[in-house]
């Protein structure tokens, strides 16, 4: 499971961007109001689905 900061770094976006795009951004697991984690395999799937060739 990846933190918001780790995902932001991989995607080249800000943590704020991830928060603003929760509805259409990478899938995540919300453990509490402050704790959100991103499954690495789901992040990879989400990125592949948006690959433009």
N, C-alpha and C. Protein backbone atom coordinates (compact mmCIF):
# COMPACT_ATOMS: atom_id res chain seq x y z
N UNK A 1 0.85 -1.17 0.00
CA UNK A 1 0.00 0.00 0.00
C UNK A 1 0.90 1.24 0.00
N UNK A 2 0.53 2.18 -0.84
CA UNK A 2 1.32 3.40 -0.99
C UNK A 2 0.63 4.58 -0.31
N UNK A 3 1.43 5.49 0.20
CA UNK A 3 0.88 6.70 0.81
C UNK A 3 0.54 7.70 -0.29
N UNK A 4 -0.17 8.76 0.08
CA UNK A 4 -0.49 9.82 -0.87
C UNK A 4 0.78 10.43 -1.44
N UNK A 5 1.76 10.66 -0.60
CA UNK A 5 3.02 11.26 -1.05
C UNK A 5 3.72 10.37 -2.07
N UNK A 6 3.76 9.07 -1.81
CA UNK A 6 4.41 8.13 -2.74
C UNK A 6 3.70 8.12 -4.09
N UNK A 7 2.38 8.11 -4.07
CA UNK A 7 1.61 8.12 -5.32
C UNK A 7 1.81 9.43 -6.06
N UNK A 8 1.79 10.53 -5.35
CA UNK A 8 1.99 11.83 -5.98
C UNK A 8 3.35 11.88 -6.68
N UNK A 9 4.37 11.38 -6.03
CA UNK A 9 5.71 11.36 -6.63
C UNK A 9 5.75 10.49 -7.87
N UNK A 10 5.11 9.33 -7.84
CA UNK A 10 5.09 8.44 -9.00
C UNK A 10 4.37 9.05 -10.19
N UNK A 11 3.30 9.77 -9.90
CA UNK A 11 2.49 10.36 -10.96
C UNK A 11 2.99 11.74 -11.38
N UNK A 12 3.84 12.35 -10.58
CA UNK A 12 4.31 13.69 -10.89
C UNK A 12 3.26 14.76 -10.65
N UNK A 13 2.43 14.53 -9.65
CA UNK A 13 1.38 15.48 -9.29
C UNK A 13 1.52 15.81 -7.80
N UNK A 14 0.74 16.75 -7.34
CA UNK A 14 0.77 17.11 -5.93
C UNK A 14 -0.19 16.23 -5.13
N UNK A 15 0.04 16.18 -3.84
CA UNK A 15 -0.88 15.47 -2.94
C UNK A 15 -2.25 16.13 -3.03
N UNK A 16 -2.26 17.43 -3.16
CA UNK A 16 -3.52 18.18 -3.28
C UNK A 16 -4.30 17.71 -4.52
N UNK A 17 -3.60 17.46 -5.62
CA UNK A 17 -4.25 16.99 -6.84
C UNK A 17 -4.96 15.66 -6.57
N UNK A 18 -4.28 14.76 -5.86
CA UNK A 18 -4.88 13.47 -5.53
C UNK A 18 -6.16 13.67 -4.71
N UNK A 19 -6.11 14.58 -3.76
CA UNK A 19 -7.28 14.83 -2.92
C UNK A 19 -8.42 15.41 -3.74
N UNK A 20 -8.11 16.29 -4.68
CA UNK A 20 -9.14 16.92 -5.50
C UNK A 20 -9.73 15.98 -6.54
N UNK A 21 -9.00 14.90 -6.88
CA UNK A 21 -9.45 13.97 -7.91
C UNK A 21 -9.77 12.59 -7.35
N UNK A 22 -10.24 12.53 -6.15
CA UNK A 22 -10.58 11.23 -5.56
C UNK A 22 -11.68 10.52 -6.33
N UNK A 23 -12.61 11.27 -6.91
CA UNK A 23 -13.72 10.64 -7.63
C UNK A 23 -13.27 10.01 -8.94
N UNK A 24 -12.28 10.61 -9.61
CA UNK A 24 -11.85 10.08 -10.91
C UNK A 24 -10.36 9.75 -10.94
N UNK A 25 -9.71 9.81 -9.80
CA UNK A 25 -8.29 9.50 -9.72
C UNK A 25 -8.06 8.03 -9.39
N UNK A 26 -6.86 7.71 -8.98
CA UNK A 26 -6.52 6.32 -8.67
C UNK A 26 -7.37 5.77 -7.52
N UNK A 27 -7.72 4.49 -7.58
CA UNK A 27 -8.50 3.88 -6.50
C UNK A 27 -7.69 3.85 -5.19
N UNK A 28 -8.39 4.01 -4.09
CA UNK A 28 -7.73 4.08 -2.79
C UNK A 28 -8.57 3.39 -1.74
N UNK A 29 -7.93 3.14 -0.60
CA UNK A 29 -8.60 2.57 0.57
C UNK A 29 -8.55 3.64 1.65
N UNK A 30 -9.70 3.96 2.20
CA UNK A 30 -9.77 4.99 3.24
C UNK A 30 -9.95 4.29 4.59
N UNK A 31 -8.90 4.35 5.39
CA UNK A 31 -8.93 3.72 6.71
C UNK A 31 -9.58 4.63 7.74
N UNK A 32 -9.39 5.93 7.58
CA UNK A 32 -10.01 6.91 8.47
C UNK A 32 -10.02 8.24 7.72
N UNK A 33 -10.49 9.28 8.37
CA UNK A 33 -10.55 10.60 7.74
C UNK A 33 -9.17 11.06 7.26
N UNK A 34 -8.14 10.69 7.99
CA UNK A 34 -6.79 11.16 7.68
C UNK A 34 -5.90 10.11 7.01
N UNK A 35 -6.30 8.85 7.05
CA UNK A 35 -5.44 7.79 6.54
C UNK A 35 -6.02 7.19 5.27
N UNK A 36 -5.31 7.42 4.15
CA UNK A 36 -5.69 6.91 2.84
C UNK A 36 -4.48 6.19 2.27
N UNK A 37 -4.70 5.02 1.70
CA UNK A 37 -3.62 4.25 1.08
C UNK A 37 -4.07 3.81 -0.31
N UNK A 38 -3.10 3.65 -1.18
CA UNK A 38 -3.36 3.26 -2.57
C UNK A 38 -2.72 1.91 -2.83
N UNK A 39 -3.51 0.89 -3.19
CA UNK A 39 -2.93 -0.41 -3.53
C UNK A 39 -2.07 -0.27 -4.79
N UNK A 40 -0.85 -0.71 -4.73
CA UNK A 40 0.08 -0.54 -5.84
C UNK A 40 -0.44 -1.19 -7.13
N UNK A 41 -1.02 -2.38 -7.02
CA UNK A 41 -1.52 -3.06 -8.22
C UNK A 41 -2.67 -2.29 -8.87
N UNK A 42 -3.53 -1.70 -8.07
CA UNK A 42 -4.65 -0.91 -8.61
C UNK A 42 -4.16 0.39 -9.23
N UNK A 43 -3.11 0.98 -8.66
CA UNK A 43 -2.52 2.18 -9.23
C UNK A 43 -1.96 1.86 -10.62
N UNK A 44 -1.25 0.75 -10.73
CA UNK A 44 -0.69 0.34 -12.03
C UNK A 44 -1.81 0.12 -13.05
N UNK A 45 -2.89 -0.54 -12.65
CA UNK A 45 -4.03 -0.75 -13.56
C UNK A 45 -4.63 0.58 -14.00
N UNK A 46 -4.79 1.49 -13.06
CA UNK A 46 -5.37 2.80 -13.35
C UNK A 46 -4.49 3.55 -14.35
N UNK A 47 -3.17 3.48 -14.16
CA UNK A 47 -2.25 4.15 -15.07
C UNK A 47 -2.29 3.52 -16.46
N UNK A 48 -2.30 2.20 -16.54
CA UNK A 48 -2.36 1.50 -17.84
C UNK A 48 -3.63 1.84 -18.60
N UNK A 49 -4.74 1.98 -17.88
CA UNK A 49 -6.02 2.29 -18.52
C UNK A 49 -6.01 3.69 -19.14
N UNK A 50 -5.11 4.55 -18.69
CA UNK A 50 -5.04 5.92 -19.20
C UNK A 50 -3.89 6.14 -20.17
N UNK A 51 -3.19 5.07 -20.51
CA UNK A 51 -2.05 5.15 -21.42
C UNK A 51 -2.53 5.51 -22.83
N UNK A 52 -1.94 6.55 -23.37
CA UNK A 52 -2.27 6.97 -24.74
C UNK A 52 -1.11 6.57 -25.64
N UNK A 53 -1.47 5.85 -26.70
CA UNK A 53 -0.41 5.38 -27.62
C UNK A 53 -0.51 6.06 -28.97
